[in-house]
Amino acid sequence: MARKIMLTGAGSQLGRTIATLLKTQDDTEVLALRRDELDILDEAAVRSTVERIKPSVIINCAGFNDVAAAESRLATRLPVNTRGVFNLAKAAKEFRVYLCTFSSKFVFDGKKAQPYSEDDDYWPINQYGSSKHGGEEMVTNLLENFLIIRSDLLYGGGNDFVSRIQRELENGNPVKVSNDFFVAPTYLGDLAAATLALVYEWAAGIYHYTNDAGNGINCYEFARAIAELSELDGSLLQAVPVLETDFGDPLSMPKKAVLSIERFREMFPSLVRPWREALAAYLVR
C-alpha cells in the first residue's frame, strides 16, 4: 500500500525541493499543496483537506522565514509559524496523522559556546525565533506522533545568501559580511534527503539537521568560499561585525546558535557531509 503524503507550503523553496524528491520515491502518493490551494491559517480548510485526502503523513513546508521583516514589525503572515502549525497539529491529532514540520536555530539565544542539542532549553531573542518556538510548542503539546526538524541558513532555492553574494560580486559591488555571526550553512537538497530519511523511518521528536560545520563558521568565511568556488572576486567582501552587515536585521540575532547534528548522524551517517563539500556540489551541479 502506497504511503500517502500531504505536502503543505509546496510553493516554498523547501517545499519545491521536497516535492521533487518525493516524486522519485516508490510506493508514495504525493499531494503537494501551494498556499493558494491550502492556507494553513484557515483552520476549517485544513481540517476538511486532511479529512478529504486522508494522508498518513503531513510534511509542512509553509512558514514565514523573513527574519528581518519579523523583527521590524509583527508581519501579517508571521502567525503561519504558530497558528498555522497549530491548525495542522490539531487536524493531525483528530485524524491520527504523522506530522513533520520545520523549525530553526533561532529558538536559541546563541550564548552557548558549544552546539545546541535538541534537548537544550529554548530562549528565543527575536520575533521570528519566538514564532518558531510557539509552533514547536503547538506540536509537542498536542501530538505524540510528530517530527520537528530544526535547521540553519538554507540555500539552493534561488533568492538566498549564496545567490545574493554571487549577484553582488558579479556586479562588482563591495559587500559587508559579518565575521561574528556563526552559521552551519545547509543545502536544501541535503535537508530534503534528510527529511525523507527521517519520515520514512517514522522518527519521532525533535532532530537537528545542517551540513556539518563543527562549531560553526562565520558568514564572512562562508561568503569567501562562495566567491572562491564561483570564481568571483573575494576581495570585494568586507569582514565587519554583525551590527554593520549588509544582510538582514542585526539587532536581535543569536550570534552563535549552531545546532548539534549528532542525533541525526547516529541514525544516518551517510547523509551528513561537510558544509564546503555540499556548497561545492551545489555550485558545480
C-alpha atoms as a PDB file:
ATOM      1  CA  MET A   1       0.000   0.000   0.000  1.00  0.00           C
ATOM      2  CA  ALA A   2       1.394   3.379  -1.042  1.00  0.00           C
ATOM      3  CA  ARG A   3       2.279   5.900   1.621  1.00  0.00           C
ATOM      4  CA  LYS A   4       0.113   8.988   1.111  1.00  0.00           C
ATOM      5  CA  ILE A   5       1.919  12.245   1.900  1.00  0.00           C
ATOM      6  CA  MET A   6       0.249  15.643   2.043  1.00  0.00           C
ATOM      7  CA  LEU A   7       2.818  18.402   1.471  1.00  0.00           C
ATOM      8  CA  THR A   8       1.828  21.912   2.556  1.00  0.00           C
ATOM      9  CA  GLY A   9       3.740  25.008   1.505  1.00  0.00           C
ATOM     10  CA  ALA A  10       4.658  23.245  -1.730  1.00  0.00           C
ATOM     11  CA  GLY A  11       5.447  26.562  -3.420  1.00  0.00           C
ATOM     12  CA  SER A  12       8.224  27.431  -0.972  1.00  0.00           C
ATOM     13  CA  GLN A  13      11.874  26.739  -1.756  1.00  0.00           C
ATOM     14  CA  LEU A  14      11.957  23.810   0.647  1.00  0.00           C
ATOM     15  CA  GLY A  15       8.532  22.631  -0.469  1.00  0.00           C
ATOM     16  CA  ARG A  16       9.562  22.503  -4.125  1.00  0.00           C
ATOM     17  CA  THR A  17      12.756  20.653  -3.261  1.00  0.00           C
ATOM     18  CA  ILE A  18      10.971  18.033  -1.158  1.00  0.00           C
ATOM     19  CA  ALA A  19       8.176  17.640  -3.734  1.00  0.00           C
ATOM     20  CA  THR A  20      10.746  16.931  -6.453  1.00  0.00           C
ATOM     21  CA  LEU A  21      12.466  14.314  -4.306  1.00  0.00           C
ATOM     22  CA  LEU A  22       9.184  12.693  -3.283  1.00  0.00           C
ATOM     23  CA  LYS A  23       8.334  12.082  -6.943  1.00  0.00           C
ATOM     24  CA  THR A  24      11.313   9.724  -7.159  1.00  0.00           C
ATOM     25  CA  GLN A  25      10.176   7.564  -4.234  1.00  0.00           C
ATOM     26  CA  ASP A  26       8.494   4.206  -4.757  1.00  0.00           C
ATOM     27  CA  ASP A  27       5.175   3.383  -3.083  1.00  0.00           C
ATOM     28  CA  THR A  28       4.497   7.034  -2.330  1.00  0.00           C
ATOM     29  CA  GLU A  29       1.492   9.107  -3.321  1.00  0.00           C
ATOM     30  CA  VAL A  30       2.143  12.845  -3.024  1.00  0.00           C
ATOM     31  CA  LEU A  31      -0.418  15.635  -2.793  1.00  0.00           C
ATOM     32  CA  ALA A  32       1.534  18.889  -2.933  1.00  0.00           C
ATOM     33  CA  LEU A  33      -0.464  21.956  -1.949  1.00  0.00           C
ATOM     34  CA  ARG A  34       0.630  25.537  -2.520  1.00  0.00           C
ATOM     35  CA  ARG A  35      -0.638  28.396  -0.363  1.00  0.00           C
ATOM     36  CA  ASP A  36      -3.312  29.285  -2.929  1.00  0.00           C
ATOM     37  CA  GLU A  37      -4.565  25.699  -2.656  1.00  0.00           C
ATOM     38  CA  LEU A  38      -4.413  25.492   1.154  1.00  0.00           C
ATOM     39  CA  ASP A  39      -3.671  28.359   3.517  1.00  0.00           C
ATOM     40  CA  ILE A  40      -2.787  26.675   6.796  1.00  0.00           C
ATOM     41  CA  LEU A  41      -4.057  29.731   8.694  1.00  0.00           C
ATOM     42  CA  ASP A  42      -7.561  28.640   7.661  1.00  0.00           C
ATOM     43  CA  GLU A  43      -8.459  26.104  10.358  1.00  0.00           C
ATOM     44  CA  ALA A  44     -11.624  24.846   8.655  1.00  0.00           C
ATOM     45  CA  ALA A  45      -9.849  24.408   5.327  1.00  0.00           C
ATOM     46  CA  VAL A  46      -7.015  22.493   6.971  1.00  0.00           C
ATOM     47  CA  ARG A  47      -9.417  20.142   8.726  1.00  0.00           C
ATOM     48  CA  SER A  48     -11.542  19.498   5.634  1.00  0.00           C
ATOM     49  CA  THR A  49      -8.486  18.933   3.449  1.00  0.00           C
ATOM     50  CA  VAL A  50      -6.947  16.402   5.828  1.00  0.00           C
ATOM     51  CA  GLU A  51     -10.315  14.667   6.177  1.00  0.00           C
ATOM     52  CA  ARG A  52     -10.715  14.505   2.384  1.00  0.00           C
ATOM     53  CA  ILE A  53      -7.175  13.439   1.482  1.00  0.00           C
ATOM     54  CA  LYS A  54      -6.704  11.044   4.398  1.00  0.00           C
ATOM     55  CA  PRO A  55      -2.896  11.195   4.361  1.00  0.00           C
ATOM     56  CA  SER A  56      -0.702   9.024   6.525  1.00  0.00           C
ATOM     57  CA  VAL A  57       1.888  11.821   6.656  1.00  0.00           C
ATOM     58  CA  ILE A  58       1.775  15.625   6.554  1.00  0.00           C
ATOM     59  CA  ILE A  59       5.028  17.427   5.726  1.00  0.00           C
ATOM     60  CA  ASN A  60       4.629  21.124   6.409  1.00  0.00           C
ATOM     61  CA  CYS A  61       6.907  23.466   4.459  1.00  0.00           C
ATOM     62  CA  ALA A  62       4.709  26.535   4.899  1.00  0.00           C
ATOM     63  CA  GLY A  63       6.263  29.241   7.004  1.00  0.00           C
ATOM     64  CA  PHE A  64       7.201  32.884   7.362  1.00  0.00           C
ATOM     65  CA  ASN A  65      11.006  32.999   7.160  1.00  0.00           C
ATOM     66  CA  ASP A  66      11.903  36.664   6.692  1.00  0.00           C
ATOM     67  CA  VAL A  67      13.783  37.252   9.943  1.00  0.00           C
ATOM     68  CA  ALA A  68      14.324  40.956   9.323  1.00  0.00           C
ATOM     69  CA  ALA A  69      10.680  41.649   8.490  1.00  0.00           C
ATOM     70  CA  ALA A  70       9.519  39.721  11.535  1.00  0.00           C
ATOM     71  CA  GLU A  71      11.845  41.732  13.760  1.00  0.00           C
ATOM     72  CA  SER A  72      10.980  45.137  12.346  1.00  0.00           C
ATOM     73  CA  ARG A  73       7.229  44.645  12.629  1.00  0.00           C
ATOM     74  CA  LEU A  74       4.753  41.938  13.561  1.00  0.00           C
ATOM     75  CA  ALA A  75       4.298  40.795   9.968  1.00  0.00           C
ATOM     76  CA  THR A  76       0.795  39.757   8.943  1.00  0.00           C
ATOM     77  CA  ARG A  77       1.954  36.295   7.838  1.00  0.00           C
ATOM     78  CA  LEU A  78       4.092  35.608  10.922  1.00  0.00           C
ATOM     79  CA  PRO A  79       1.234  33.655  12.619  1.00  0.00           C
ATOM     80  CA  VAL A  80       1.661  30.933   9.974  1.00  0.00           C
ATOM     81  CA  ASN A  81       4.582  29.767  12.138  1.00  0.00           C
ATOM     82  CA  THR A  82       2.346  29.365  15.188  1.00  0.00           C
ATOM     83  CA  ARG A  83      -1.378  29.362  14.469  1.00  0.00           C
ATOM     84  CA  GLY A  84      -0.852  27.677  11.119  1.00  0.00           C
ATOM     85  CA  VAL A  85       1.186  24.902  12.683  1.00  0.00           C
ATOM     86  CA  PHE A  86      -1.436  24.564  15.429  1.00  0.00           C
ATOM     87  CA  ASN A  87      -4.141  24.038  12.790  1.00  0.00           C
ATOM     88  CA  LEU A  88      -2.121  21.252  11.202  1.00  0.00           C
ATOM     89  CA  ALA A  89      -1.346  19.651  14.562  1.00  0.00           C
ATOM     90  CA  LYS A  90      -4.991  19.765  15.580  1.00  0.00           C
ATOM     91  CA  ALA A  91      -6.070  18.038  12.355  1.00  0.00           C
ATOM     92  CA  ALA A  92      -3.215  15.536  12.648  1.00  0.00           C
ATOM     93  CA  LYS A  93      -4.393  14.611  16.120  1.00  0.00           C
ATOM     94  CA  GLU A  94      -8.026  14.227  15.106  1.00  0.00           C
ATOM     95  CA  PHE A  95      -7.272  12.071  12.064  1.00  0.00           C
ATOM     96  CA  ARG A  96      -4.227  10.276  13.514  1.00  0.00           C
ATOM     97  CA  VAL A  97      -1.703  11.580  11.009  1.00  0.00           C
ATOM     98  CA  TYR A  98       2.071  11.751  11.425  1.00  0.00           C
ATOM     99  CA  LEU A  99       3.143  15.413  11.209  1.00  0.00           C
ATOM    100  CA  CYS A 100       6.564  16.671  10.138  1.00  0.00           C
ATOM    101  CA  THR A 101       7.290  20.397  10.359  1.00  0.00           C
ATOM    102  CA  PHE A 102      10.362  22.614  10.369  1.00  0.00           C
ATOM    103  CA  SER A 103      11.880  24.958  12.903  1.00  0.00           C
ATOM    104  CA  SER A 104      15.054  26.941  13.318  1.00  0.00           C
ATOM    105  CA  LYS A 105      18.146  27.606  15.372  1.00  0.00           C
ATOM    106  CA  PHE A 106      16.503  30.921  16.255  1.00  0.00           C
ATOM    107  CA  VAL A 107      14.681  29.238  19.136  1.00  0.00           C
ATOM    108  CA  PHE A 108      18.022  29.597  20.987  1.00  0.00           C
ATOM    109  CA  ASP A 109      19.780  32.733  22.234  1.00  0.00           C
ATOM    110  CA  GLY A 110      23.208  31.949  20.770  1.00  0.00           C
ATOM    111  CA  LYS A 111      25.119  32.317  24.032  1.00  0.00           C
ATOM    112  CA  LYS A 112      26.242  28.702  24.369  1.00  0.00           C
ATOM    113  CA  ALA A 113      29.881  28.045  23.471  1.00  0.00           C
ATOM    114  CA  GLN A 114      29.157  24.572  22.063  1.00  0.00           C
ATOM    115  CA  PRO A 115      26.493  23.490  19.559  1.00  0.00           C
ATOM    116  CA  TYR A 116      22.957  23.232  20.892  1.00  0.00           C
ATOM    117  CA  SER A 117      21.417  19.790  21.322  1.00  0.00           C
ATOM    118  CA  GLU A 118      17.768  19.016  20.728  1.00  0.00           C
ATOM    119  CA  ASP A 119      17.209  18.927  24.492  1.00  0.00           C
ATOM    120  CA  ASP A 120      18.683  22.332  25.336  1.00  0.00           C
ATOM    121  CA  ASP A 121      16.357  24.973  26.754  1.00  0.00           C
ATOM    122  CA  TYR A 122      14.615  27.411  24.432  1.00  0.00           C
ATOM    123  CA  TRP A 123      15.444  31.089  24.689  1.00  0.00           C
ATOM    124  CA  PRO A 124      14.422  33.000  21.539  1.00  0.00           C
ATOM    125  CA  ILE A 125      15.525  36.617  21.419  1.00  0.00           C
ATOM    126  CA  ASN A 126      13.548  37.930  18.434  1.00  0.00           C
ATOM    127  CA  GLN A 127      10.067  37.768  16.940  1.00  0.00           C
ATOM    128  CA  TYR A 128      11.000  35.149  14.379  1.00  0.00           C
ATOM    129  CA  GLY A 129      12.530  32.857  16.975  1.00  0.00           C
ATOM    130  CA  SER A 130       9.532  33.325  19.246  1.00  0.00           C
ATOM    131  CA  SER A 131       7.176  32.356  16.427  1.00  0.00           C
ATOM    132  CA  LYS A 132       9.166  29.201  15.701  1.00  0.00           C
ATOM    133  CA  HIS A 133       9.254  28.323  19.391  1.00  0.00           C
ATOM    134  CA  GLY A 134       5.496  28.836  19.543  1.00  0.00           C
ATOM    135  CA  GLY A 135       4.965  26.498  16.614  1.00  0.00           C
ATOM    136  CA  GLU A 136       7.074  23.815  18.257  1.00  0.00           C
ATOM    137  CA  GLU A 137       5.019  24.073  21.434  1.00  0.00           C
ATOM    138  CA  MET A 138       1.780  23.757  19.465  1.00  0.00           C
ATOM    139  CA  VAL A 139       3.025  20.432  18.101  1.00  0.00           C
ATOM    140  CA  THR A 140       4.624  18.989  21.224  1.00  0.00           C
ATOM    141  CA  ASN A 141       1.629  19.870  23.414  1.00  0.00           C
ATOM    142  CA  LEU A 142      -0.885  18.237  21.063  1.00  0.00           C
ATOM    143  CA  LEU A 143       0.881  15.280  19.496  1.00  0.00           C
ATOM    144  CA  GLU A 144       2.967  12.255  20.312  1.00  0.00           C
ATOM    145  CA  ASN A 145       3.466  11.169  16.692  1.00  0.00           C
ATOM    146  CA  PHE A 146       5.411  14.107  15.265  1.00  0.00           C
ATOM    147  CA  LEU A 147       8.743  15.146  13.795  1.00  0.00           C
ATOM    148  CA  ILE A 148      10.254  18.625  14.166  1.00  0.00           C
ATOM    149  CA  ILE A 149      13.422  19.362  12.190  1.00  0.00           C
ATOM    150  CA  ARG A 150      15.488  22.415  13.100  1.00  0.00           C
ATOM    151  CA  SER A 151      17.970  23.726  10.559  1.00  0.00           C
ATOM    152  CA  ASP A 152      20.098  26.751   9.672  1.00  0.00           C
ATOM    153  CA  LEU A 153      20.851  29.133   6.748  1.00  0.00           C
ATOM    154  CA  LEU A 154      19.239  27.254   3.882  1.00  0.00           C
ATOM    155  CA  TYR A 155      20.381  27.796   0.311  1.00  0.00           C
ATOM    156  CA  GLY A 156      19.781  26.237  -3.065  1.00  0.00           C
ATOM    157  CA  GLY A 157      16.355  27.607  -3.910  1.00  0.00           C
ATOM    158  CA  GLY A 158      17.244  30.869  -5.621  1.00  0.00           C
ATOM    159  CA  ASN A 159      16.856  34.022  -3.530  1.00  0.00           C
ATOM    160  CA  ASP A 160      19.186  33.127  -0.664  1.00  0.00           C
ATOM    161  CA  PHE A 161      22.519  34.115   0.886  1.00  0.00           C
ATOM    162  CA  VAL A 162      24.534  32.298  -1.778  1.00  0.00           C
ATOM    163  CA  SER A 163      22.734  33.880  -4.724  1.00  0.00           C
ATOM    164  CA  ARG A 164      22.837  37.354  -3.152  1.00  0.00           C
ATOM    165  CA  ILE A 165      26.597  37.147  -2.584  1.00  0.00           C
ATOM    166  CA  GLN A 166      27.106  35.939  -6.145  1.00  0.00           C
ATOM    167  CA  ARG A 167      24.915  38.701  -7.580  1.00  0.00           C
ATOM    168  CA  GLU A 168      26.694  41.489  -5.714  1.00  0.00           C
ATOM    169  CA  LEU A 169      30.152  40.211  -6.629  1.00  0.00           C
ATOM    170  CA  GLU A 170      29.183  39.687 -10.264  1.00  0.00           C
ATOM    171  CA  ASN A 171      28.117  43.344 -10.340  1.00  0.00           C
ATOM    172  CA  GLY A 172      31.400  44.423  -8.805  1.00  0.00           C
ATOM    173  CA  ASN A 173      29.829  45.688  -5.600  1.00  0.00           C
ATOM    174  CA  PRO A 174      31.627  45.610  -2.240  1.00  0.00           C
ATOM    175  CA  VAL A 175      29.718  43.568   0.347  1.00  0.00           C
ATOM    176  CA  LYS A 176      29.876  43.849   4.136  1.00  0.00           C
ATOM    177  CA  VAL A 177      29.535  40.409   5.723  1.00  0.00           C
ATOM    178  CA  SER A 178      29.632  39.610   9.427  1.00  0.00           C
ATOM    179  CA  ASN A 179      32.610  37.881  10.966  1.00  0.00           C
ATOM    180  CA  ASP A 180      30.942  37.414  14.366  1.00  0.00           C
ATOM    181  CA  PHE A 181      27.667  35.697  13.359  1.00  0.00           C
ATOM    182  CA  PHE A 182      28.129  31.935  13.112  1.00  0.00           C
ATOM    183  CA  VAL A 183      26.168  29.508  10.957  1.00  0.00           C
ATOM    184  CA  ALA A 184      26.053  25.958   9.669  1.00  0.00           C
ATOM    185  CA  PRO A 185      25.033  26.501   6.018  1.00  0.00           C
ATOM    186  CA  THR A 186      22.622  23.873   4.750  1.00  0.00           C
ATOM    187  CA  TYR A 187      21.934  22.860   1.157  1.00  0.00           C
ATOM    188  CA  LEU A 188      18.210  22.405   0.556  1.00  0.00           C
ATOM    189  CA  GLY A 189      18.753  19.177  -1.359  1.00  0.00           C
ATOM    190  CA  ASP A 190      20.539  17.650   1.618  1.00  0.00           C
ATOM    191  CA  LEU A 191      17.833  18.808   4.026  1.00  0.00           C
ATOM    192  CA  ALA A 192      15.177  17.282   1.772  1.00  0.00           C
ATOM    193  CA  ALA A 193      17.005  13.943   1.709  1.00  0.00           C
ATOM    194  CA  ALA A 194      17.445  14.032   5.483  1.00  0.00           C
ATOM    195  CA  THR A 195      13.767  14.820   5.944  1.00  0.00           C
ATOM    196  CA  LEU A 196      12.593  11.862   3.886  1.00  0.00           C
ATOM    197  CA  ALA A 197      15.046   9.551   5.639  1.00  0.00           C
ATOM    198  CA  LEU A 198      13.541  10.521   8.993  1.00  0.00           C
ATOM    199  CA  VAL A 199       9.943  10.441   7.759  1.00  0.00           C
ATOM    200  CA  TYR A 200      10.320   7.000   6.175  1.00  0.00           C
ATOM    201  CA  GLU A 201      11.691   5.713   9.474  1.00  0.00           C
ATOM    202  CA  TRP A 202       8.767   7.298  11.355  1.00  0.00           C
ATOM    203  CA  ALA A 203      11.306   9.125  13.511  1.00  0.00           C
ATOM    204  CA  ALA A 204       9.619  10.894  16.414  1.00  0.00           C
ATOM    205  CA  GLY A 205      10.568  14.012  18.339  1.00  0.00           C
ATOM    206  CA  ILE A 206      12.974  16.839  17.531  1.00  0.00           C
ATOM    207  CA  TYR A 207      16.009  16.467  15.282  1.00  0.00           C
ATOM    208  CA  HIS A 208      18.642  18.915  14.108  1.00  0.00           C
ATOM    209  CA  TYR A 209      19.944  18.790  10.560  1.00  0.00           C
ATOM    210  CA  THR A 210      22.533  21.016   8.901  1.00  0.00           C
ATOM    211  CA  ASN A 211      25.570  20.422   6.783  1.00  0.00           C
ATOM    212  CA  ASP A 212      28.491  19.718   9.087  1.00  0.00           C
ATOM    213  CA  ALA A 213      30.207  22.934  10.167  1.00  0.00           C
ATOM    214  CA  GLY A 214      31.554  21.728  13.505  1.00  0.00           C
ATOM    215  CA  ASN A 215      31.189  24.602  15.954  1.00  0.00           C
ATOM    216  CA  GLY A 216      30.090  26.870  13.135  1.00  0.00           C
ATOM    217  CA  ILE A 217      31.676  29.186  10.587  1.00  0.00           C
ATOM    218  CA  ASN A 218      31.153  32.917  10.387  1.00  0.00           C
ATOM    219  CA  CYS A 219      29.258  34.436   7.474  1.00  0.00           C
ATOM    220  CA  TYR A 220      32.391  36.083   6.096  1.00  0.00           C
ATOM    221  CA  GLU A 221      34.112  32.689   5.858  1.00  0.00           C
ATOM    222  CA  PHE A 222      31.072  31.298   4.074  1.00  0.00           C
ATOM    223  CA  ALA A 223      30.961  34.247   1.670  1.00  0.00           C
ATOM    224  CA  ARG A 224      34.681  33.800   0.898  1.00  0.00           C
ATOM    225  CA  ALA A 225      34.030  30.162  -0.005  1.00  0.00           C
ATOM    226  CA  ILE A 226      31.131  31.183  -2.261  1.00  0.00           C
ATOM    227  CA  ALA A 227      33.381  33.662  -4.052  1.00  0.00           C
ATOM    228  CA  GLU A 228      36.225  31.165  -4.419  1.00  0.00           C
ATOM    229  CA  LEU A 229      34.083  28.312  -5.682  1.00  0.00           C
ATOM    230  CA  SER A 230      32.179  30.654  -8.028  1.00  0.00           C
ATOM    231  CA  GLU A 231      35.468  32.157  -9.318  1.00  0.00           C
ATOM    232  CA  LEU A 232      34.407  35.667  -8.256  1.00  0.00           C
ATOM    233  CA  ASP A 233      36.425  38.470  -6.693  1.00  0.00           C
ATOM    234  CA  GLY A 234      36.504  37.753  -2.967  1.00  0.00           C
ATOM    235  CA  SER A 235      38.446  40.957  -2.281  1.00  0.00           C
ATOM    236  CA  LEU A 236      35.129  42.815  -2.574  1.00  0.00           C
ATOM    237  CA  LEU A 237      33.986  41.135   0.641  1.00  0.00           C
ATOM    238  CA  GLN A 238      34.482  43.170   3.799  1.00  0.00           C
ATOM    239  CA  ALA A 239      34.521  41.448   7.206  1.00  0.00           C
ATOM    240  CA  VAL A 240      32.550  43.528   9.719  1.00  0.00           C
ATOM    241  CA  PRO A 241      30.653  42.980  12.990  1.00  0.00           C
ATOM    242  CA  VAL A 242      27.047  41.873  12.515  1.00  0.00           C
ATOM    243  CA  LEU A 243      25.863  45.358  13.526  1.00  0.00           C
ATOM    244  CA  GLU A 244      27.374  46.708  10.308  1.00  0.00           C
ATOM    245  CA  THR A 245      26.380  43.933   7.919  1.00  0.00           C
ATOM    246  CA  ASP A 246      24.618  44.435   4.590  1.00  0.00           C
ATOM    247  CA  PHE A 247      22.415  41.404   5.171  1.00  0.00           C
ATOM    248  CA  GLY A 248      19.438  41.205   7.497  1.00  0.00           C
ATOM    249  CA  ASP A 249      18.436  42.969  10.706  1.00  0.00           C
ATOM    250  CA  PRO A 250      21.313  42.692  13.187  1.00  0.00           C
ATOM    251  CA  LEU A 251      19.627  43.969  16.328  1.00  0.00           C
ATOM    252  CA  SER A 252      18.382  40.765  17.933  1.00  0.00           C
ATOM    253  CA  MET A 253      20.325  37.902  16.417  1.00  0.00           C
ATOM    254  CA  PRO A 254      21.690  34.833  18.234  1.00  0.00           C
ATOM    255  CA  LYS A 255      25.326  35.198  17.236  1.00  0.00           C
ATOM    256  CA  LYS A 256      26.388  31.592  17.799  1.00  0.00           C
ATOM    257  CA  ALA A 257      23.352  29.316  17.777  1.00  0.00           C
ATOM    258  CA  VAL A 258      24.952  26.380  15.992  1.00  0.00           C
ATOM    259  CA  LEU A 259      22.988  23.120  16.069  1.00  0.00           C
ATOM    260  CA  SER A 260      24.436  19.771  17.108  1.00  0.00           C
ATOM    261  CA  ILE A 261      23.605  17.131  14.492  1.00  0.00           C
ATOM    262  CA  GLU A 262      24.853  14.112  16.442  1.00  0.00           C
ATOM    263  CA  ARG A 263      21.376  12.632  16.971  1.00  0.00           C
ATOM    264  CA  PHE A 264      20.797  12.582  13.223  1.00  0.00           C
ATOM    265  CA  ARG A 265      24.345  11.438  12.465  1.00  0.00           C
ATOM    266  CA  GLU A 266      23.898   8.361  14.645  1.00  0.00           C
ATOM    267  CA  MET A 267      20.937   7.282  12.512  1.00  0.00           C
ATOM    268  CA  PHE A 268      22.100   8.329   9.047  1.00  0.00           C
ATOM    269  CA  PRO A 269      25.863   8.968   8.973  1.00  0.00           C
ATOM    270  CA  SER A 270      25.983   8.767   5.176  1.00  0.00           C
ATOM    271  CA  LEU A 271      23.589  11.731   4.883  1.00  0.00           C
ATOM    272  CA  VAL A 272      25.875  14.112   6.768  1.00  0.00           C
ATOM    273  CA  ARG A 273      28.518  15.921   4.736  1.00  0.00           C
ATOM    274  CA  PRO A 274      30.821  18.907   5.358  1.00  0.00           C
ATOM    275  CA  TRP A 275      29.407  22.323   4.527  1.00  0.00           C
ATOM    276  CA  ARG A 276      32.104  23.124   1.968  1.00  0.00           C
ATOM    277  CA  GLU A 277      31.605  19.829   0.135  1.00  0.00           C
ATOM    278  CA  ALA A 278      27.859  20.498  -0.051  1.00  0.00           C
ATOM    279  CA  LEU A 279      28.415  24.055  -1.303  1.00  0.00           C
ATOM    280  CA  ALA A 280      30.860  22.913  -3.978  1.00  0.00           C
ATOM    281  CA  ALA A 281      28.465  20.214  -5.173  1.00  0.00           C
ATOM    282  CA  TYR A 282      25.658  22.766  -5.406  1.00  0.00           C
ATOM    283  CA  LEU A 283      27.709  25.351  -7.288  1.00  0.00           C
ATOM    284  CA  VAL A 284      29.042  22.910  -9.896  1.00  0.00           C
ATOM    285  CA  ARG A 285      25.775  21.000 -10.410  1.00  0.00           C
END
